[in-house]
PDB file of N, CA and C in Angstrom:
ATOM      1  N   UNK A   1     -69.400-168.497  -8.339  1.00  0.00           N
ATOM      2  CA  UNK A   1     -69.840-168.266  -6.613  1.00  0.00           C
ATOM      3  C   UNK A   1     -68.955-167.506  -6.283  1.00  0.00           C
ATOM      4  N   UNK A   2     -69.241-166.504  -4.749  1.00  0.00           N
ATOM      5  CA  UNK A   2     -68.472-165.866  -4.382  1.00  0.00           C
ATOM      6  C   UNK A   2     -67.576-166.763  -3.210  1.00  0.00           C
ATOM      7  N   UNK A   3     -66.093-165.914  -3.126  1.00  0.00           N
ATOM      8  CA  UNK A   3     -65.102-166.623  -2.632  1.00  0.00           C
ATOM      9  C   UNK A   3     -65.568-166.847  -0.910  1.00  0.00           C
ATOM     10  N   UNK A   4     -66.181-165.685  -0.504  1.00  0.00           N
ATOM     11  CA  UNK A   4     -66.423-165.874   0.936  1.00  0.00           C
ATOM     12  C   UNK A   4     -67.829-166.998   1.335  1.00  0.00           C
ATOM     13  N   UNK A   5     -68.123-167.245   0.296  1.00  0.00           N
ATOM     14  CA  UNK A   5     -69.508-168.022   0.571  1.00  0.00           C
ATOM     15  C   UNK A   5     -68.960-169.539   0.676  1.00  0.00           C
ATOM     16  N   UNK A   6     -67.916-169.567  -0.526  1.00  0.00           N
ATOM     17  CA  UNK A   6     -67.604-170.879  -0.494  1.00  0.00           C
ATOM     18  C   UNK A   6     -66.803-171.307   0.725  1.00  0.00           C
ATOM     19  N   UNK A   7     -65.764-170.284   1.389  1.00  0.00           N
ATOM     20  CA  UNK A   7     -64.804-170.621   2.696  1.00  0.00           C
ATOM     21  C   UNK A   7     -66.079-170.799   3.628  1.00  0.00           C
ATOM     22  N   UNK A   8     -67.068-170.168   3.662  1.00  0.00           N
ATOM     23  CA  UNK A   8     -68.241-170.365   5.035  1.00  0.00           C
ATOM     24  C   UNK A   8     -68.739-171.889   4.808  1.00  0.00           C
ATOM     25  N   UNK A   9     -68.974-172.094   3.592  1.00  0.00           N
ATOM     26  CA  UNK A   9     -69.401-173.693   3.379  1.00  0.00           C
ATOM     27  C   UNK A   9     -68.480-174.513   4.145  1.00  0.00           C
ATOM     28  N   UNK A  10     -67.579-174.556   3.564  1.00  0.00           N
ATOM     29  CA  UNK A  10     -66.088-175.462   3.736  1.00  0.00           C
ATOM     30  C   UNK A  10     -66.096-175.228   5.484  1.00  0.00           C
ATOM     31  N   UNK A  11     -66.036-174.424   6.229  1.00  0.00           N
ATOM     32  CA  UNK A  11     -66.052-174.278   7.387  1.00  0.00           C
ATOM     33  C   UNK A  11     -67.049-174.822   8.020  1.00  0.00           C
ATOM     34  N   UNK A  12     -68.492-174.439   7.754  1.00  0.00           N
ATOM     35  CA  UNK A  12     -69.513-175.147   8.247  1.00  0.00           C
ATOM     36  C   UNK A  12     -69.380-176.567   8.062  1.00  0.00           C
ATOM     37  N   UNK A  13     -69.255-177.012   7.027  1.00  0.00           N
ATOM     38  CA  UNK A  13     -69.025-178.525   6.522  1.00  0.00           C
ATOM     39  C   UNK A  13     -67.616-179.439   7.617  1.00  0.00           C
ATOM     40  N   UNK A  14     -66.903-178.762   7.876  1.00  0.00           N
ATOM     41  CA  UNK A  14     -65.732-179.307   8.530  1.00  0.00           C
ATOM     42  C   UNK A  14     -66.111-179.144   9.970  1.00  0.00           C
ATOM     43  N   UNK A  15     -66.544-177.808  10.715  1.00  0.00           N
ATOM     44  CA  UNK A  15     -67.238-178.135  11.827  1.00  0.00           C
ATOM     45  C   UNK A  15     -68.096-179.138  11.928  1.00  0.00           C
ATOM     46  N   UNK A  16     -69.093-179.751  11.045  1.00  0.00           N
ATOM     47  CA  UNK A  16     -70.037-180.268  11.362  1.00  0.00           C
ATOM     48  C   UNK A  16     -69.361-181.854  11.248  1.00  0.00           C
ATOM     49  N   UNK A  17     -68.468-182.015  10.474  1.00  0.00           N
ATOM     50  CA  UNK A  17     -67.944-183.099  10.823  1.00  0.00           C
ATOM     51  C   UNK A  17     -66.973-183.921  11.448  1.00  0.00           C
ATOM     52  N   UNK A  18     -66.184-182.452  12.294  1.00  0.00           N
ATOM     53  CA  UNK A  18     -65.617-182.738  13.419  1.00  0.00           C
ATOM     54  C   UNK A  18     -66.293-182.625  14.373  1.00  0.00           C
ATOM     55  N   UNK A  19     -67.711-181.911  14.652  1.00  0.00           N
ATOM     56  CA  UNK A  19     -68.571-182.342  15.795  1.00  0.00           C
ATOM     57  C   UNK A  19     -69.188-183.762  15.975  1.00  0.00           C
ATOM     58  N   UNK A  20     -69.314-184.259  14.688  1.00  0.00           N
ATOM     59  CA  UNK A  20     -70.153-185.356  14.716  1.00  0.00           C
ATOM     60  C   UNK A  20     -69.389-186.275  14.962  1.00  0.00           C
ATOM     61  N   UNK A  21     -68.017-186.485  14.969  1.00  0.00           N
ATOM     62  CA  UNK A  21     -66.868-187.224  15.694  1.00  0.00           C
ATOM     63  C   UNK A  21     -67.116-187.375  16.692  1.00  0.00           C
ATOM     64  N   UNK A  22     -67.162-185.858  17.733  1.00  0.00           N
ATOM     65  CA  UNK A  22     -66.694-185.718  18.696  1.00  0.00           C
ATOM     66  C   UNK A  22     -68.310-186.304  19.681  1.00  0.00           C
ATOM     67  N   UNK A  23     -69.045-186.300  18.960  1.00  0.00           N
ATOM     68  CA  UNK A  23     -70.439-186.727  19.279  1.00  0.00           C
ATOM     69  C   UNK A  23     -70.696-187.996  19.396  1.00  0.00           C
ATOM     70  N   UNK A  24     -69.731-188.672  18.503  1.00  0.00           N
ATOM     71  CA  UNK A  24     -69.767-190.094  18.509  1.00  0.00           C
ATOM     72  C   UNK A  24     -68.862-190.736  19.430  1.00  0.00           C
ATOM     73  N   UNK A  25     -68.176-190.031  19.959  1.00  0.00           N
ATOM     74  CA  UNK A  25     -66.774-190.382  21.240  1.00  0.00           C
ATOM     75  C   UNK A  25     -67.937-190.216  22.252  1.00  0.00           C
ATOM     76  N   UNK A  26     -68.686-189.169  22.442  1.00  0.00           N
ATOM     77  CA  UNK A  26     -69.271-188.971  23.808  1.00  0.00           C
ATOM     78  C   UNK A  26     -70.578-190.067  23.996  1.00  0.00           C
ATOM     79  N   UNK A  27     -71.245-190.088  22.765  1.00  0.00           N
ATOM     80  CA  UNK A  27     -72.291-190.902  23.130  1.00  0.00           C
ATOM     81  C   UNK A  27     -72.464-192.358  22.977  1.00  0.00           C
ATOM     82  N   UNK A  28     -71.171-193.000  22.818  1.00  0.00           N
ATOM     83  CA  UNK A  28     -70.805-194.256  22.213  1.00  0.00           C
ATOM     84  C   UNK A  28     -71.497-195.311  23.204  1.00  0.00           C
ATOM     85  N   UNK A  29     -71.072-195.085  24.697  1.00  0.00           N
ATOM     86  CA  UNK A  29     -71.824-195.806  25.045  1.00  0.00           C
ATOM     87  C   UNK A  29     -72.855-195.721  26.066  1.00  0.00           C
ATOM     88  N   UNK A  30     -73.480-194.495  25.806  1.00  0.00           N
ATOM     89  CA  UNK A  30     -74.760-193.737  26.141  1.00  0.00           C
ATOM     90  C   UNK A  30     -76.048-194.144  25.467  1.00  0.00           C
ATOM     91  N   UNK A  31     -76.885-194.868  26.448  1.00  0.00           N
ATOM     92  CA  UNK A  31     -78.191-195.438  25.490  1.00  0.00           C
ATOM     93  C   UNK A  31     -79.033-194.792  24.835  1.00  0.00           C
ATOM     94  N   UNK A  32     -79.814-194.654  24.067  1.00  0.00           N
ATOM     95  CA  UNK A  32     -80.770-193.335  23.678  1.00  0.00           C
ATOM     96  C   UNK A  32     -81.842-193.250  24.313  1.00  0.00           C
ATOM     97  N   UNK A  33     -83.035-192.520  24.180  1.00  0.00           N
ATOM     98  CA  UNK A  33     -84.174-192.175  24.968  1.00  0.00           C
ATOM     99  C   UNK A  33     -84.945-193.765  24.756  1.00  0.00           C
ATOM    100  N   UNK A  34     -85.230-194.201  23.881  1.00  0.00           N
ATOM    101  CA  UNK A  34     -85.822-195.317  23.745  1.00  0.00           C
ATOM    102  C   UNK A  34     -85.447-196.617  24.515  1.00  0.00           C
ATOM    103  N   UNK A  35     -84.074-196.590  24.209  1.00  0.00           N
ATOM    104  CA  UNK A  35     -83.383-197.933  25.201  1.00  0.00           C
ATOM    105  C   UNK A  35     -83.379-197.671  26.376  1.00  0.00           C
ATOM    106  N   UNK A  36     -83.027-196.838  27.017  1.00  0.00           N
ATOM    107  CA  UNK A  36     -83.145-196.348  28.213  1.00  0.00           C
ATOM    108  C   UNK A  36     -84.625-196.526  28.917  1.00  0.00           C
ATOM    109  N   UNK A  37     -85.501-196.209  28.155  1.00  0.00           N
ATOM    110  CA  UNK A  37     -87.207-196.551  28.881  1.00  0.00           C
ATOM    111  C   UNK A  37     -87.583-197.836  28.588  1.00  0.00           C
ATOM    112  N   UNK A  38     -86.885-198.724  27.798  1.00  0.00           N
ATOM    113  CA  UNK A  38     -86.938-199.974  27.651  1.00  0.00           C
ATOM    114  C   UNK A  38     -86.488-200.886  29.076  1.00  0.00           C
ATOM    115  N   UNK A  39     -85.288-200.214  29.140  1.00  0.00           N
ATOM    116  CA  UNK A  39     -84.489-200.669  30.283  1.00  0.00           C
ATOM    117  C   UNK A  39     -84.859-200.356  31.720  1.00  0.00           C
ATOM    118  N   UNK A  40     -85.428-199.510  31.720  1.00  0.00           N
ATOM    119  CA  UNK A  40     -86.071-198.884  32.875  1.00  0.00           C
ATOM    120  C   UNK A  40     -87.490-199.636  33.470  1.00  0.00           C
ATOM    121  N   UNK A  41     -88.113-200.142  32.407  1.00  0.00           N
ATOM    122  CA  UNK A  41     -89.444-200.834  32.296  1.00  0.00           C
ATOM    123  C   UNK A  41     -89.362-202.287  32.221  1.00  0.00           C
ATOM    124  N   UNK A  42     -88.010-202.788  32.125  1.00  0.00           N
ATOM    125  CA  UNK A  42     -87.681-204.559  32.192  1.00  0.00           C
ATOM    126  C   UNK A  42     -88.197-205.004  30.746  1.00  0.00           C
ATOM    127  N   UNK A  43     -88.283-204.271  29.391  1.00  0.00           N
ATOM    128  CA  UNK A  43     -88.735-204.916  28.379  1.00  0.00           C
ATOM    129  C   UNK A  43     -87.460-204.764  27.476  1.00  0.00           C
ATOM    130  N   UNK A  44     -86.306-204.469  27.922  1.00  0.00           N
ATOM    131  CA  UNK A  44     -85.327-204.067  26.953  1.00  0.00           C
ATOM    132  C   UNK A  44     -84.500-205.407  26.484  1.00  0.00           C
ATOM    133  N   UNK A  45     -85.098-206.371  26.528  1.00  0.00           N
ATOM    134  CA  UNK A  45     -84.400-208.016  26.344  1.00  0.00           C
ATOM    135  C   UNK A  45     -83.909-207.762  24.813  1.00  0.00           C
ATOM    136  N   UNK A  46     -82.975-208.397  24.407  1.00  0.00           N
ATOM    137  CA  UNK A  46     -82.707-208.650  22.997  1.00  0.00           C
ATOM    138  C   UNK A  46     -83.340-210.022  22.699  1.00  0.00           C
ATOM    139  N   UNK A  47     -83.690-209.270  20.843  1.00  0.00           N
ATOM    140  CA  UNK A  47     -84.470-210.679  20.429  1.00  0.00           C
ATOM    141  C   UNK A  47     -83.703-210.784  18.989  1.00  0.00           C
ATOM    142  N   UNK A  48     -83.979-211.819  18.248  1.00  0.00           N
ATOM    143  CA  UNK A  48     -83.452-212.241  17.091  1.00  0.00           C
ATOM    144  C   UNK A  48     -84.138-210.938  15.935  1.00  0.00           C
ATOM    145  N   UNK A  49     -83.013-210.353  15.034  1.00  0.00           N
ATOM    146  CA  UNK A  49     -83.399-209.686  14.397  1.00  0.00           C
ATOM    147  C   UNK A  49     -84.537-210.128  13.158  1.00  0.00           C
ATOM    148  N   UNK A  50     -85.615-209.484  12.507  1.00  0.00           N
ATOM    149  CA  UNK A  50     -86.271-209.956  11.434  1.00  0.00           C
ATOM    150  C   UNK A  50     -85.700-210.080  10.190  1.00  0.00           C
ATOM    151  N   UNK A  51     -84.731-209.034   9.820  1.00  0.00           N
ATOM    152  CA  UNK A  51     -83.786-209.289   8.751  1.00  0.00           C
ATOM    153  C   UNK A  51     -82.348-208.602   8.990  1.00  0.00           C
ATOM    154  N   UNK A  52     -81.371-209.027   8.725  1.00  0.00           N
ATOM    155  CA  UNK A  52     -79.903-208.919   8.827  1.00  0.00           C
ATOM    156  C   UNK A  52     -79.457-208.139   7.634  1.00  0.00           C
ATOM    157  N   UNK A  53     -78.692-206.895   7.643  1.00  0.00           N
ATOM    158  CA  UNK A  53     -78.112-206.012   6.844  1.00  0.00           C
ATOM    159  C   UNK A  53     -77.051-206.678   6.132  1.00  0.00           C
ATOM    160  N   UNK A  54     -76.828-206.729   5.026  1.00  0.00           N
ATOM    161  CA  UNK A  54     -75.715-207.004   4.269  1.00  0.00           C
ATOM    162  C   UNK A  54     -74.424-206.780   4.848  1.00  0.00           C
ATOM    163  N   UNK A  55     -74.352-205.130   4.999  1.00  0.00           N
ATOM    164  CA  UNK A  55     -73.292-204.583   5.439  1.00  0.00           C
ATOM    165  C   UNK A  55     -73.724-204.244   7.133  1.00  0.00           C
ATOM    166  N   UNK A  56     -72.749-204.514   8.344  1.00  0.00           N
ATOM    167  CA  UNK A  56     -73.162-204.348   9.356  1.00  0.00           C
ATOM    168  C   UNK A  56     -71.976-203.469   9.884  1.00  0.00           C
ATOM    169  N   UNK A  57     -72.486-202.644  10.772  1.00  0.00           N
ATOM    170  CA  UNK A  57     -71.525-201.931  11.390  1.00  0.00           C
ATOM    171  C   UNK A  57     -70.460-202.571  12.154  1.00  0.00           C
ATOM    172  N   UNK A  58     -71.114-203.379  13.101  1.00  0.00           N
ATOM    173  CA  UNK A  58     -70.124-204.193  13.866  1.00  0.00           C
ATOM    174  C   UNK A  58     -69.929-203.011  15.350  1.00  0.00           C
ATOM    175  N   UNK A  59     -69.112-203.898  16.364  1.00  0.00           N
ATOM    176  CA  UNK A  59     -69.137-202.813  17.364  1.00  0.00           C
ATOM    177  C   UNK A  59     -67.576-202.450  17.245  1.00  0.00           C
ATOM    178  N   UNK A  60     -66.855-202.522  16.361  1.00  0.00           N
ATOM    179  CA  UNK A  60     -65.367-201.980  16.083  1.00  0.00           C
ATOM    180  C   UNK A  60     -65.710-200.485  15.930  1.00  0.00           C
ATOM    181  N   UNK A  61     -65.049-199.548  16.691  1.00  0.00           N
ATOM    182  CA  UNK A  61     -64.950-198.262  16.771  1.00  0.00           C
ATOM    183  C   UNK A  61     -64.385-197.799  15.126  1.00  0.00           C
ATOM    184  N   UNK A  62     -63.367-198.211  14.998  1.00  0.00           N
ATOM    185  CA  UNK A  62     -62.577-197.837  13.614  1.00  0.00           C
ATOM    186  C   UNK A  62     -63.712-198.214  12.298  1.00  0.00           C
ATOM    187  N   UNK A  63     -64.191-199.538  12.381  1.00  0.00           N
ATOM    188  CA  UNK A  63     -65.358-199.670  11.338  1.00  0.00           C
ATOM    189  C   UNK A  63     -66.423-198.886  11.140  1.00  0.00           C
ATOM    190  N   UNK A  64     -67.027-198.400  12.252  1.00  0.00           N
ATOM    191  CA  UNK A  64     -67.982-197.476  12.624  1.00  0.00           C
ATOM    192  C   UNK A  64     -67.588-196.018  12.122  1.00  0.00           C
ATOM    193  N   UNK A  65     -66.252-195.497  12.526  1.00  0.00           N
ATOM    194  CA  UNK A  65     -65.939-194.316  12.089  1.00  0.00           C
ATOM    195  C   UNK A  65     -65.714-194.259  10.453  1.00  0.00           C
ATOM    196  N   UNK A  66     -65.260-195.214  10.004  1.00  0.00           N
ATOM    197  CA  UNK A  66     -65.395-195.227   8.507  1.00  0.00           C
ATOM    198  C   UNK A  66     -66.403-195.224   7.729  1.00  0.00           C
ATOM    199  N   UNK A  67     -67.111-196.156   8.523  1.00  0.00           N
ATOM    200  CA  UNK A  67     -68.551-196.244   7.641  1.00  0.00           C
ATOM    201  C   UNK A  67     -69.212-194.509   7.901  1.00  0.00           C
ATOM    202  N   UNK A  68     -68.773-194.195   9.037  1.00  0.00           N
ATOM    203  CA  UNK A  68     -69.553-192.942   9.072  1.00  0.00           C
ATOM    204  C   UNK A  68     -69.201-191.490   7.788  1.00  0.00           C
ATOM    205  N   UNK A  69     -67.804-191.662   7.951  1.00  0.00           N
ATOM    206  CA  UNK A  69     -67.114-190.701   7.166  1.00  0.00           C
ATOM    207  C   UNK A  69     -67.410-191.161   5.671  1.00  0.00           C
ATOM    208  N   UNK A  70     -67.542-192.436   4.933  1.00  0.00           N
ATOM    209  CA  UNK A  70     -67.732-192.669   3.760  1.00  0.00           C
ATOM    210  C   UNK A  70     -69.093-192.306   3.405  1.00  0.00           C
ATOM    211  N   UNK A  71     -70.298-192.192   4.442  1.00  0.00           N
ATOM    212  CA  UNK A  71     -71.721-192.158   4.132  1.00  0.00           C
ATOM    213  C   UNK A  71     -71.856-190.397   4.270  1.00  0.00           C
ATOM    214  N   UNK A  72     -70.754-189.801   4.960  1.00  0.00           N
ATOM    215  CA  UNK A  72     -70.642-187.917   4.869  1.00  0.00           C
ATOM    216  C   UNK A  72     -70.539-187.839   3.346  1.00  0.00           C
ATOM    217  N   UNK A  73     -69.258-188.381   3.183  1.00  0.00           N
ATOM    218  CA  UNK A  73     -68.728-188.126   1.830  1.00  0.00           C
ATOM    219  C   UNK A  73     -69.713-188.646   0.887  1.00  0.00           C
ATOM    220  N   UNK A  74     -70.626-189.510   0.612  1.00  0.00           N
ATOM    221  CA  UNK A  74     -71.580-189.910  -0.442  1.00  0.00           C
ATOM    222  C   UNK A  74     -72.370-188.864  -0.379  1.00  0.00           C
ATOM    223  N   UNK A  75     -73.035-188.808   0.439  1.00  0.00           N
ATOM    224  CA  UNK A  75     -74.289-187.821   0.715  1.00  0.00           C
ATOM    225  C   UNK A  75     -73.729-186.869  -0.090  1.00  0.00           C
ATOM    226  N   UNK A  76     -72.620-186.080   0.355  1.00  0.00           N
ATOM    227  CA  UNK A  76     -71.792-184.883   0.142  1.00  0.00           C
ATOM    228  C   UNK A  76     -71.854-184.792  -1.451  1.00  0.00           C
ATOM    229  N   UNK A  77     -71.320-185.814  -2.053  1.00  0.00           N
ATOM    230  CA  UNK A  77     -71.129-185.990  -3.468  1.00  0.00           C
ATOM    231  C   UNK A  77     -72.621-186.011  -3.883  1.00  0.00           C
ATOM    232  N   UNK A  78     -73.553-186.765  -3.561  1.00  0.00           N
ATOM    233  CA  UNK A  78     -75.013-187.197  -4.201  1.00  0.00           C
ATOM    234  C   UNK A  78     -75.636-185.636  -4.365  1.00  0.00           C
ATOM    235  N   UNK A  79     -75.313-184.762  -3.062  1.00  0.00           N
ATOM    236  CA  UNK A  79     -76.148-183.573  -3.106  1.00  0.00           C
ATOM    237  C   UNK A  79     -75.521-182.639  -4.120  1.00  0.00           C
ATOM    238  N   UNK A  80     -73.834-182.405  -4.070  1.00  0.00           N
ATOM    239  CA  UNK A  80     -73.207-181.838  -5.242  1.00  0.00           C
ATOM    240  C   UNK A  80     -73.725-182.117  -6.480  1.00  0.00           C
ATOM    241  N   UNK A  81     -74.076-183.400  -6.987  1.00  0.00           N
ATOM    242  CA  UNK A  81     -74.341-183.652  -8.259  1.00  0.00           C
ATOM    243  C   UNK A  81     -75.672-183.187  -8.683  1.00  0.00           C
ATOM    244  N   UNK A  82     -76.585-183.175  -7.726  1.00  0.00           N
ATOM    245  CA  UNK A  82     -77.920-182.857  -7.885  1.00  0.00           C
ATOM    246  C   UNK A  82     -78.009-180.972  -8.277  1.00  0.00           C
ATOM    247  N   UNK A  83     -77.039-180.397  -6.979  1.00  0.00           N
ATOM    248  CA  UNK A  83     -77.240-179.039  -7.106  1.00  0.00           C
ATOM    249  C   UNK A  83     -76.295-179.064  -8.947  1.00  0.00           C
ATOM    250  N   UNK A  84     -75.467-179.660  -9.367  1.00  0.00           N
ATOM    251  CA  UNK A  84     -74.732-179.223 -10.487  1.00  0.00           C
ATOM    252  C   UNK A  84     -75.995-179.505 -11.774  1.00  0.00           C
ATOM    253  N   UNK A  85     -76.658-180.607 -11.730  1.00  0.00           N
ATOM    254  CA  UNK A  85     -77.869-180.932 -12.478  1.00  0.00           C
ATOM    255  C   UNK A  85     -78.813-179.809 -12.456  1.00  0.00           C
ATOM    256  N   UNK A  86     -79.181-179.570 -11.300  1.00  0.00           N
ATOM    257  CA  UNK A  86     -80.139-178.297 -11.362  1.00  0.00           C
ATOM    258  C   UNK A  86     -80.009-177.017 -11.992  1.00  0.00           C
ATOM    259  N   UNK A  87     -78.297-176.691 -11.461  1.00  0.00           N
ATOM    260  CA  UNK A  87     -77.955-175.664 -12.098  1.00  0.00           C
ATOM    261  C   UNK A  87     -77.617-175.814 -14.080  1.00  0.00           C
ATOM    262  N   UNK A  88     -77.249-176.842 -14.329  1.00  0.00           N
ATOM    263  CA  UNK A  88     -77.142-177.099 -15.615  1.00  0.00           C
ATOM    264  C   UNK A  88     -78.816-176.923 -16.333  1.00  0.00           C
ATOM    265  N   UNK A  89     -79.596-177.356 -15.630  1.00  0.00           N
ATOM    266  CA  UNK A  89     -81.103-177.450 -16.437  1.00  0.00           C
ATOM    267  C   UNK A  89     -81.435-175.944 -16.115  1.00  0.00           C
ATOM    268  N   UNK A  90     -81.302-175.397 -15.194  1.00  0.00           N
ATOM    269  CA  UNK A  90     -81.542-173.667 -15.166  1.00  0.00           C
ATOM    270  C   UNK A  90     -80.986-173.112 -16.207  1.00  0.00           C
ATOM    271  N   UNK A  91     -79.776-173.324 -16.730  1.00  0.00           N
ATOM    272  CA  UNK A  91     -78.828-172.384 -17.367  1.00  0.00           C
ATOM    273  C   UNK A  91     -79.395-172.752 -18.921  1.00  0.00           C
ATOM    274  N   UNK A  92     -80.118-173.707 -19.298  1.00  0.00           N
ATOM    275  CA  UNK A  92     -80.532-173.961 -20.664  1.00  0.00           C
ATOM    276  C   UNK A  92     -81.682-173.423 -20.976  1.00  0.00           C
TER     277      UNK A  92
END
């Protein structure tokens, strides 16, 4: 792999991860389009969930941030593994 390509990929990943954290900081208290529409039309009341997830993010900022970072790196590792597997199959 060319060094310039590797540096560019790392720079893009870092910019994306910093931008994602910044976006999370800005949009934390702002409802999305569906929530806003439901609130405007008076049907935005909370109801009981049909199913409760075993791992809940909760409302704690630090927990949400850590889960986002863990998810990002798990996805990165999975994609890296698929690319490596594909390259090894192609080499044979």
